[in-house]
Amino acid sequence: MNKIILAFLVGLVLNITAVSAGTLVSPTGKVILTISGKLENTNSEHGAQFDLNMLLALQQTVINTNTPWTKGMTKFEGPTLKELLKHVGAIPEEVMATALNGYRIKLPIVDINNYPMIIALKRDDEVLSVRTKGPIWVIYPWSENPEIRDNLYYTRSIWQLQQLDIN
């Protein structure tokens, strides 16, 4: 009996270790975000790929803020970039973000650590589309942080995000 319990426990530990050490579930819908580079957790040869439902399944954060591109206070919702990087097992020195049109911008680690910036999936409770700067839009909490209300941070608010490269 003790051998059976021991075998079960060893199997359970090995199974838990295998799941936490590198594999994410695979997307079943259209891939809207690929994270590549230094990652511990992946689900494809390209790195970590996510469809909308996978990103919506992560803990969501709401940021109510004014932006240069919207009128009045706007509600944005999505996982924090910091939590997303933790989910894929990344401890980056650098994060390069790329949009659908090829626009690339470096997202400084200090920003990711100091501000709860999100990869917005929704705006005013509506899922973002390419037409509305989606499917993913990096949003900073500008209204709560006057020191980042300038062009430097606005240029980092990449919309139509499709790729994060972790170095």
N, C-alpha and C. Protein backbone atom coordinates (compact mmCIF):
# COMPACT_ATOMS: atom_id res chain seq x y z
N MET A 1 0.82 -1.19 0.00
CA MET A 1 0.00 0.00 0.00
C MET A 1 0.87 1.26 0.00
N ASN A 2 1.93 1.26 0.80
CA ASN A 2 2.81 2.43 0.86
C ASN A 2 3.50 2.68 -0.48
N LYS A 3 3.83 1.60 -1.21
CA LYS A 3 4.45 1.77 -2.52
C LYS A 3 3.49 2.43 -3.51
N ILE A 4 2.23 2.09 -3.41
CA ILE A 4 1.23 2.68 -4.31
C ILE A 4 1.07 4.17 -4.02
N ILE A 5 1.00 4.51 -2.75
CA ILE A 5 0.87 5.93 -2.38
C ILE A 5 2.12 6.70 -2.79
N LEU A 6 3.29 6.12 -2.55
CA LEU A 6 4.53 6.77 -2.93
C LEU A 6 4.60 6.98 -4.45
N ALA A 7 4.23 5.96 -5.20
CA ALA A 7 4.24 6.06 -6.67
C ALA A 7 3.27 7.15 -7.13
N PHE A 8 2.10 7.21 -6.50
CA PHE A 8 1.12 8.23 -6.83
C PHE A 8 1.67 9.63 -6.55
N LEU A 9 2.28 9.81 -5.38
CA LEU A 9 2.82 11.11 -5.01
C LEU A 9 3.97 11.53 -5.93
N VAL A 10 4.84 10.59 -6.27
CA VAL A 10 5.94 10.90 -7.20
C VAL A 10 5.37 11.31 -8.56
N GLY A 11 4.39 10.59 -9.04
CA GLY A 11 3.74 10.92 -10.31
C GLY A 11 3.08 12.29 -10.27
N LEU A 12 2.42 12.59 -9.16
CA LEU A 12 1.77 13.88 -9.00
C LEU A 12 2.80 15.02 -9.02
N VAL A 13 3.89 14.86 -8.29
CA VAL A 13 4.94 15.87 -8.25
C VAL A 13 5.55 16.06 -9.64
N LEU A 14 5.82 14.98 -10.34
CA LEU A 14 6.39 15.08 -11.69
C LEU A 14 5.43 15.79 -12.64
N ASN A 15 4.14 15.49 -12.52
CA ASN A 15 3.13 16.12 -13.36
C ASN A 15 3.04 17.61 -13.08
N ILE A 16 3.01 18.01 -11.82
CA ILE A 16 2.95 19.41 -11.45
C ILE A 16 4.20 20.14 -11.93
N THR A 17 5.36 19.53 -11.76
CA THR A 17 6.61 20.13 -12.20
C THR A 17 6.62 20.33 -13.71
N ALA A 18 6.13 19.35 -14.45
CA ALA A 18 6.12 19.45 -15.91
C ALA A 18 5.22 20.60 -16.37
N VAL A 19 4.06 20.76 -15.73
CA VAL A 19 3.15 21.83 -16.12
C VAL A 19 3.75 23.19 -15.78
N SER A 20 4.34 23.31 -14.60
CA SER A 20 4.85 24.62 -14.19
C SER A 20 6.19 24.94 -14.82
N ALA A 21 6.83 23.97 -15.41
CA ALA A 21 8.18 24.20 -15.93
C ALA A 21 8.22 24.53 -17.40
N GLY A 22 7.08 24.70 -18.08
CA GLY A 22 7.28 25.08 -19.44
C GLY A 22 6.15 25.06 -20.42
N THR A 23 5.03 24.45 -20.14
CA THR A 23 4.02 24.41 -21.17
C THR A 23 2.79 25.21 -20.77
N LEU A 24 2.33 25.98 -21.73
CA LEU A 24 1.08 26.70 -21.61
C LEU A 24 0.06 25.96 -22.45
N VAL A 25 -1.21 26.17 -22.18
CA VAL A 25 -2.22 25.59 -23.05
C VAL A 25 -2.08 26.21 -24.43
N SER A 26 -2.51 25.49 -25.42
CA SER A 26 -2.42 25.99 -26.80
C SER A 26 -3.66 26.79 -27.15
N PRO A 27 -3.49 27.81 -27.98
CA PRO A 27 -4.66 28.58 -28.40
C PRO A 27 -5.59 27.74 -29.27
N THR A 28 -6.88 27.96 -29.10
CA THR A 28 -7.87 27.27 -29.95
C THR A 28 -8.47 28.23 -30.96
N GLY A 29 -8.32 29.52 -30.71
CA GLY A 29 -8.80 30.55 -31.63
C GLY A 29 -7.63 31.19 -32.36
N LYS A 30 -7.94 32.28 -33.05
CA LYS A 30 -6.92 33.01 -33.80
C LYS A 30 -5.88 33.58 -32.83
N VAL A 31 -4.60 33.36 -33.13
CA VAL A 31 -3.51 33.90 -32.32
C VAL A 31 -3.46 35.41 -32.53
N ILE A 32 -3.54 36.16 -31.40
CA ILE A 32 -3.47 37.62 -31.48
C ILE A 32 -2.20 38.18 -30.84
N LEU A 33 -1.50 37.35 -30.08
CA LEU A 33 -0.26 37.81 -29.46
C LEU A 33 0.74 36.65 -29.40
N THR A 34 1.96 36.94 -29.81
CA THR A 34 3.05 35.99 -29.69
C THR A 34 4.14 36.64 -28.85
N ILE A 35 4.62 35.90 -27.85
CA ILE A 35 5.71 36.36 -27.02
C ILE A 35 6.88 35.42 -27.28
N SER A 36 8.01 35.98 -27.68
CA SER A 36 9.18 35.15 -28.00
C SER A 36 10.38 35.63 -27.21
N GLY A 37 11.44 34.84 -27.24
CA GLY A 37 12.67 35.20 -26.56
C GLY A 37 12.89 34.38 -25.31
N LYS A 38 13.41 35.00 -24.27
CA LYS A 38 13.75 34.32 -23.02
C LYS A 38 12.49 34.04 -22.20
N LEU A 39 11.91 32.85 -22.41
CA LEU A 39 10.69 32.45 -21.72
C LEU A 39 10.89 31.07 -21.12
N GLU A 40 10.30 30.83 -19.97
CA GLU A 40 10.29 29.49 -19.40
C GLU A 40 9.07 28.70 -19.85
N ASN A 41 7.96 29.39 -20.12
CA ASN A 41 6.70 28.72 -20.45
C ASN A 41 6.29 29.06 -21.88
N THR A 42 6.17 28.04 -22.70
CA THR A 42 5.81 28.23 -24.10
C THR A 42 4.72 27.24 -24.50
N ASN A 43 4.20 27.43 -25.70
CA ASN A 43 3.22 26.49 -26.23
C ASN A 43 3.37 26.28 -27.74
N SER A 44 4.46 26.82 -28.30
CA SER A 44 4.71 26.62 -29.73
C SER A 44 6.19 26.82 -30.01
N GLU A 45 6.59 26.50 -31.21
CA GLU A 45 7.99 26.70 -31.61
C GLU A 45 8.33 28.19 -31.68
N HIS A 46 7.31 29.05 -31.71
CA HIS A 46 7.51 30.50 -31.78
C HIS A 46 7.59 31.14 -30.40
N GLY A 47 7.34 30.38 -29.36
CA GLY A 47 7.34 30.91 -27.99
C GLY A 47 6.01 30.67 -27.33
N ALA A 48 5.40 31.75 -26.83
CA ALA A 48 4.09 31.67 -26.19
C ALA A 48 3.09 32.39 -27.07
N GLN A 49 2.08 31.65 -27.52
CA GLN A 49 1.06 32.25 -28.38
C GLN A 49 -0.26 32.27 -27.63
N PHE A 50 -1.01 33.37 -27.83
CA PHE A 50 -2.26 33.57 -27.11
C PHE A 50 -3.37 33.95 -28.07
N ASP A 51 -4.55 33.36 -27.83
CA ASP A 51 -5.75 33.85 -28.49
C ASP A 51 -6.47 34.76 -27.49
N LEU A 52 -7.55 35.37 -27.92
CA LEU A 52 -8.26 36.32 -27.07
C LEU A 52 -8.75 35.67 -25.77
N ASN A 53 -9.33 34.48 -25.86
CA ASN A 53 -9.86 33.83 -24.67
C ASN A 53 -8.77 33.50 -23.65
N MET A 54 -7.59 33.14 -24.12
CA MET A 54 -6.48 32.87 -23.20
C MET A 54 -6.09 34.13 -22.43
N LEU A 55 -6.05 35.27 -23.13
CA LEU A 55 -5.69 36.52 -22.48
C LEU A 55 -6.80 36.99 -21.54
N LEU A 56 -8.05 36.77 -21.93
CA LEU A 56 -9.18 37.14 -21.06
C LEU A 56 -9.24 36.26 -19.82
N ALA A 57 -8.67 35.06 -19.89
CA ALA A 57 -8.67 34.15 -18.74
C ALA A 57 -7.67 34.57 -17.67
N LEU A 58 -6.72 35.43 -18.03
CA LEU A 58 -5.75 35.94 -17.05
C LEU A 58 -6.44 36.99 -16.18
N GLN A 59 -5.86 37.26 -15.02
CA GLN A 59 -6.42 38.29 -14.15
C GLN A 59 -6.49 39.62 -14.89
N GLN A 60 -7.66 40.23 -14.89
CA GLN A 60 -7.87 41.48 -15.61
C GLN A 60 -7.74 42.68 -14.67
N THR A 61 -7.16 43.74 -15.18
CA THR A 61 -7.01 44.99 -14.44
C THR A 61 -7.72 46.09 -15.23
N VAL A 62 -8.40 46.96 -14.52
CA VAL A 62 -9.10 48.08 -15.15
C VAL A 62 -8.31 49.36 -14.92
N ILE A 63 -8.13 50.13 -15.99
CA ILE A 63 -7.53 51.45 -15.90
C ILE A 63 -8.55 52.42 -16.49
N ASN A 64 -8.96 53.39 -15.69
CA ASN A 64 -9.80 54.49 -16.17
C ASN A 64 -8.88 55.68 -16.35
N THR A 65 -8.76 56.15 -17.58
CA THR A 65 -7.80 57.22 -17.86
C THR A 65 -8.23 58.03 -19.07
N ASN A 66 -7.67 59.21 -19.17
CA ASN A 66 -7.78 60.03 -20.37
C ASN A 66 -6.60 59.68 -21.26
N THR A 67 -6.82 59.71 -22.56
CA THR A 67 -5.74 59.49 -23.52
C THR A 67 -5.81 60.57 -24.59
N PRO A 68 -4.74 60.76 -25.34
CA PRO A 68 -4.79 61.71 -26.46
C PRO A 68 -5.68 61.22 -27.61
N TRP A 69 -6.07 59.94 -27.61
CA TRP A 69 -6.79 59.35 -28.73
C TRP A 69 -8.27 59.09 -28.47
N THR A 70 -8.70 59.28 -27.22
CA THR A 70 -10.10 59.04 -26.87
C THR A 70 -10.68 60.30 -26.23
N LYS A 71 -12.00 60.38 -26.17
CA LYS A 71 -12.66 61.55 -25.57
C LYS A 71 -13.08 61.23 -24.15
N GLY A 72 -12.65 62.09 -23.23
CA GLY A 72 -13.04 61.93 -21.83
C GLY A 72 -12.38 60.74 -21.17
N MET A 73 -12.84 60.45 -19.96
CA MET A 73 -12.35 59.30 -19.20
C MET A 73 -12.79 58.03 -19.90
N THR A 74 -11.84 57.14 -20.15
CA THR A 74 -12.11 55.89 -20.86
C THR A 74 -11.69 54.72 -19.99
N LYS A 75 -12.51 53.69 -20.00
CA LYS A 75 -12.23 52.47 -19.24
C LYS A 75 -11.54 51.46 -20.16
N PHE A 76 -10.35 51.01 -19.74
CA PHE A 76 -9.61 49.98 -20.46
C PHE A 76 -9.47 48.77 -19.54
N GLU A 77 -9.45 47.59 -20.12
CA GLU A 77 -9.35 46.37 -19.31
C GLU A 77 -8.47 45.35 -20.00
N GLY A 78 -7.61 44.70 -19.18
CA GLY A 78 -6.74 43.65 -19.68
C GLY A 78 -5.74 43.27 -18.60
N PRO A 79 -4.95 42.25 -18.85
CA PRO A 79 -3.92 41.87 -17.85
C PRO A 79 -2.79 42.89 -17.83
N THR A 80 -2.16 43.03 -16.66
CA THR A 80 -0.99 43.90 -16.61
C THR A 80 0.14 43.22 -17.39
N LEU A 81 0.97 44.04 -17.95
CA LEU A 81 2.12 43.51 -18.69
C LEU A 81 3.03 42.73 -17.74
N LYS A 82 3.16 43.22 -16.54
CA LYS A 82 3.99 42.55 -15.53
C LYS A 82 3.46 41.14 -15.25
N GLU A 83 2.15 41.00 -15.09
CA GLU A 83 1.55 39.69 -14.81
C GLU A 83 1.67 38.76 -16.02
N LEU A 84 1.51 39.31 -17.22
CA LEU A 84 1.64 38.51 -18.44
C LEU A 84 3.06 37.95 -18.56
N LEU A 85 4.06 38.79 -18.30
CA LEU A 85 5.45 38.33 -18.37
C LEU A 85 5.73 37.27 -17.32
N LYS A 86 5.15 37.42 -16.15
CA LYS A 86 5.29 36.41 -15.10
C LYS A 86 4.64 35.09 -15.54
N HIS A 87 3.50 35.19 -16.21
CA HIS A 87 2.77 34.00 -16.68
C HIS A 87 3.61 33.16 -17.66
N VAL A 88 4.40 33.83 -18.48
CA VAL A 88 5.24 33.09 -19.45
C VAL A 88 6.63 32.81 -18.91
N GLY A 89 6.88 33.18 -17.66
CA GLY A 89 8.17 32.89 -17.05
C GLY A 89 9.30 33.73 -17.61
N ALA A 90 9.02 34.99 -17.89
CA ALA A 90 10.04 35.89 -18.44
C ALA A 90 10.55 36.82 -17.35
N ILE A 91 11.86 36.96 -17.29
CA ILE A 91 12.49 37.98 -16.45
C ILE A 91 13.33 38.81 -17.42
N PRO A 92 12.67 39.79 -18.05
CA PRO A 92 13.33 40.49 -19.16
C PRO A 92 14.31 41.56 -18.73
N GLU A 93 15.27 41.76 -19.59
CA GLU A 93 16.14 42.93 -19.52
C GLU A 93 15.59 43.99 -20.46
N GLU A 94 14.89 43.50 -21.48
CA GLU A 94 14.34 44.40 -22.50
C GLU A 94 13.08 43.75 -23.09
N VAL A 95 12.07 44.58 -23.37
CA VAL A 95 10.86 44.12 -24.03
C VAL A 95 10.65 44.99 -25.27
N MET A 96 10.66 44.35 -26.43
CA MET A 96 10.39 45.06 -27.68
C MET A 96 8.99 44.67 -28.13
N ALA A 97 8.18 45.67 -28.40
CA ALA A 97 6.80 45.47 -28.83
C ALA A 97 6.67 45.81 -30.30
N THR A 98 5.92 44.98 -31.04
CA THR A 98 5.72 45.19 -32.47
C THR A 98 4.23 45.17 -32.78
N ALA A 99 3.79 46.14 -33.58
CA ALA A 99 2.40 46.26 -33.99
C ALA A 99 2.18 45.56 -35.33
N LEU A 100 0.91 45.44 -35.69
CA LEU A 100 0.55 44.80 -36.96
C LEU A 100 1.18 45.51 -38.16
N ASN A 101 1.37 46.83 -38.07
CA ASN A 101 1.94 47.58 -39.20
C ASN A 101 3.46 47.64 -39.18
N GLY A 102 4.11 46.91 -38.23
CA GLY A 102 5.56 46.88 -38.15
C GLY A 102 6.15 47.90 -37.20
N TYR A 103 5.35 48.81 -36.65
CA TYR A 103 5.84 49.77 -35.67
C TYR A 103 6.43 49.01 -34.50
N ARG A 104 7.66 49.42 -34.07
CA ARG A 104 8.34 48.76 -32.95
C ARG A 104 8.74 49.81 -31.92
N ILE A 105 8.61 49.43 -30.66
CA ILE A 105 8.99 50.33 -29.57
C ILE A 105 9.47 49.50 -28.40
N LYS A 106 10.48 50.02 -27.73
CA LYS A 106 10.98 49.36 -26.52
C LYS A 106 10.10 49.79 -25.35
N LEU A 107 9.65 48.81 -24.57
CA LEU A 107 8.90 49.08 -23.35
C LEU A 107 9.86 48.89 -22.18
N PRO A 108 10.28 49.99 -21.55
CA PRO A 108 11.28 49.89 -20.48
C PRO A 108 10.79 49.06 -19.29
N ILE A 109 11.69 48.27 -18.75
CA ILE A 109 11.39 47.45 -17.57
C ILE A 109 10.97 48.33 -16.40
N VAL A 110 11.57 49.50 -16.28
CA VAL A 110 11.21 50.40 -15.18
C VAL A 110 9.73 50.80 -15.29
N ASP A 111 9.22 51.00 -16.50
CA ASP A 111 7.80 51.30 -16.68
C ASP A 111 6.94 50.11 -16.23
N ILE A 112 7.34 48.92 -16.67
CA ILE A 112 6.57 47.71 -16.35
C ILE A 112 6.53 47.49 -14.84
N ASN A 113 7.63 47.79 -14.16
CA ASN A 113 7.68 47.60 -12.70
C ASN A 113 7.03 48.73 -11.92
N ASN A 114 7.06 49.96 -12.45
CA ASN A 114 6.57 51.11 -11.69
C ASN A 114 5.12 51.48 -11.95
N TYR A 115 4.57 51.09 -13.09
CA TYR A 115 3.20 51.45 -13.43
C TYR A 115 2.42 50.19 -13.80
N PRO A 116 1.17 50.09 -13.37
CA PRO A 116 0.39 48.90 -13.74
C PRO A 116 -0.15 49.00 -15.16
N MET A 117 0.78 49.15 -16.12
CA MET A 117 0.38 49.24 -17.52
C MET A 117 -0.23 47.91 -17.95
N ILE A 118 -1.25 48.01 -18.80
CA ILE A 118 -1.96 46.81 -19.22
C ILE A 118 -1.86 46.62 -20.72
N ILE A 119 -2.10 45.38 -21.12
CA ILE A 119 -2.34 45.11 -22.53
C ILE A 119 -3.87 45.08 -22.64
N ALA A 120 -4.43 46.21 -23.02
CA ALA A 120 -5.89 46.35 -23.05
C ALA A 120 -6.49 45.48 -24.14
N LEU A 121 -7.52 44.74 -23.74
CA LEU A 121 -8.28 43.90 -24.66
C LEU A 121 -9.67 44.49 -24.88
N LYS A 122 -10.08 45.35 -23.92
CA LYS A 122 -11.41 45.96 -23.99
C LYS A 122 -11.30 47.46 -23.73
N ARG A 123 -12.18 48.19 -24.37
CA ARG A 123 -12.33 49.63 -24.14
C ARG A 123 -13.81 49.89 -23.90
N ASP A 124 -14.11 50.46 -22.74
CA ASP A 124 -15.50 50.70 -22.35
C ASP A 124 -16.34 49.44 -22.53
N ASP A 125 -15.81 48.32 -22.02
CA ASP A 125 -16.46 47.01 -22.00
C ASP A 125 -16.65 46.35 -23.36
N GLU A 126 -16.10 46.93 -24.42
CA GLU A 126 -16.18 46.33 -25.75
C GLU A 126 -14.81 45.77 -26.13
N VAL A 127 -14.78 44.55 -26.65
CA VAL A 127 -13.53 43.94 -27.11
C VAL A 127 -12.97 44.79 -28.24
N LEU A 128 -11.68 45.09 -28.15
CA LEU A 128 -11.02 45.90 -29.17
C LEU A 128 -10.90 45.13 -30.48
N SER A 129 -11.03 45.86 -31.57
CA SER A 129 -10.81 45.29 -32.91
C SER A 129 -9.68 46.09 -33.55
N VAL A 130 -9.22 45.66 -34.70
CA VAL A 130 -8.18 46.39 -35.41
C VAL A 130 -8.64 47.83 -35.66
N ARG A 131 -9.89 48.00 -35.98
CA ARG A 131 -10.45 49.34 -36.25
C ARG A 131 -10.41 50.24 -35.02
N THR A 132 -10.48 49.63 -33.82
CA THR A 132 -10.48 50.41 -32.57
C THR A 132 -9.14 50.30 -31.83
N LYS A 133 -8.07 50.15 -32.59
CA LYS A 133 -6.69 50.10 -32.10
C LYS A 133 -6.34 48.77 -31.42
N GLY A 134 -7.13 47.75 -31.67
CA GLY A 134 -6.88 46.43 -31.10
C GLY A 134 -6.26 45.50 -32.12
N PRO A 135 -6.21 44.25 -31.83
CA PRO A 135 -6.90 43.60 -30.72
C PRO A 135 -6.27 43.86 -29.35
N ILE A 136 -5.03 44.42 -29.34
CA ILE A 136 -4.35 44.68 -28.07
C ILE A 136 -3.74 46.08 -28.14
N TRP A 137 -3.91 46.83 -27.04
CA TRP A 137 -3.41 48.20 -26.97
C TRP A 137 -2.73 48.38 -25.61
N VAL A 138 -1.47 48.76 -25.60
CA VAL A 138 -0.75 48.99 -24.35
C VAL A 138 -1.22 50.33 -23.77
N ILE A 139 -1.73 50.26 -22.54
CA ILE A 139 -2.28 51.46 -21.88
C ILE A 139 -1.57 51.69 -20.55
N TYR A 140 -1.14 52.91 -20.36
CA TYR A 140 -0.55 53.36 -19.09
C TYR A 140 -1.65 54.04 -18.25
N PRO A 141 -1.50 54.07 -16.95
CA PRO A 141 -2.46 54.79 -16.10
C PRO A 141 -2.12 56.29 -16.04
N TRP A 142 -2.34 57.00 -17.15
CA TRP A 142 -1.94 58.40 -17.25
C TRP A 142 -2.66 59.30 -16.25
N SER A 143 -3.95 59.11 -16.08
CA SER A 143 -4.71 60.01 -15.21
C SER A 143 -4.24 59.95 -13.77
N GLU A 144 -3.75 58.81 -13.34
CA GLU A 144 -3.27 58.64 -11.96
C GLU A 144 -1.81 59.06 -11.79
N ASN A 145 -1.11 59.27 -12.90
CA ASN A 145 0.33 59.54 -12.85
C ASN A 145 0.68 60.71 -13.77
N PRO A 146 0.54 61.95 -13.28
CA PRO A 146 0.80 63.11 -14.14
C PRO A 146 2.21 63.15 -14.72
N GLU A 147 3.17 62.53 -14.05
CA GLU A 147 4.56 62.56 -14.53
C GLU A 147 4.75 61.81 -15.84
N ILE A 148 3.79 60.98 -16.23
CA ILE A 148 3.93 60.23 -17.49
C ILE A 148 3.01 60.76 -18.59
N ARG A 149 2.38 61.89 -18.36
CA ARG A 149 1.51 62.48 -19.38
C ARG A 149 2.34 63.33 -20.34
N ASP A 150 3.14 62.66 -21.13
CA ASP A 150 3.92 63.36 -22.15
C ASP A 150 4.18 62.44 -23.33
N ASN A 151 4.70 63.02 -24.38
CA ASN A 151 4.87 62.31 -25.64
C ASN A 151 5.74 61.06 -25.53
N LEU A 152 6.75 61.08 -24.66
CA LEU A 152 7.61 59.91 -24.49
C LEU A 152 6.78 58.67 -24.14
N TYR A 153 5.88 58.81 -23.19
CA TYR A 153 5.07 57.67 -22.76
C TYR A 153 3.94 57.38 -23.74
N TYR A 154 3.43 58.41 -24.39
CA TYR A 154 2.38 58.17 -25.39
C TYR A 154 2.91 57.34 -26.55
N THR A 155 4.19 57.55 -26.93
CA THR A 155 4.75 56.76 -28.04
C THR A 155 4.91 55.29 -27.65
N ARG A 156 4.97 55.00 -26.36
CA ARG A 156 5.08 53.61 -25.89
C ARG A 156 3.74 52.91 -25.82
N SER A 157 2.67 53.65 -26.01
CA SER A 157 1.33 53.09 -25.95
C SER A 157 0.98 52.48 -27.31
N ILE A 158 1.66 51.44 -27.64
CA ILE A 158 1.54 50.79 -28.94
C ILE A 158 0.16 50.13 -29.07
N TRP A 159 -0.49 50.39 -30.19
CA TRP A 159 -1.77 49.73 -30.44
C TRP A 159 -1.60 48.73 -31.57
N GLN A 160 -2.60 47.89 -31.73
CA GLN A 160 -2.55 46.77 -32.67
C GLN A 160 -1.32 45.91 -32.40
N LEU A 161 -1.01 45.75 -31.10
CA LEU A 161 0.12 44.94 -30.68
C LEU A 161 -0.06 43.49 -31.13
N GLN A 162 1.00 42.91 -31.67
CA GLN A 162 0.94 41.50 -32.06
C GLN A 162 2.11 40.66 -31.56
N GLN A 163 3.21 41.32 -31.16
CA GLN A 163 4.41 40.58 -30.80
C GLN A 163 5.15 41.28 -29.67
N LEU A 164 5.62 40.48 -28.69
CA LEU A 164 6.53 40.96 -27.66
C LEU A 164 7.78 40.09 -27.73
N ASP A 165 8.94 40.72 -27.87
CA ASP A 165 10.21 39.99 -27.89
C ASP A 165 10.92 40.28 -26.58
N ILE A 166 11.25 39.20 -25.85
CA ILE A 166 11.85 39.31 -24.53
C ILE A 166 13.34 39.01 -24.63
N ASN A 167 14.15 39.96 -24.20
CA ASN A 167 15.61 39.75 -24.20
C ASN A 167 16.14 39.96 -22.80
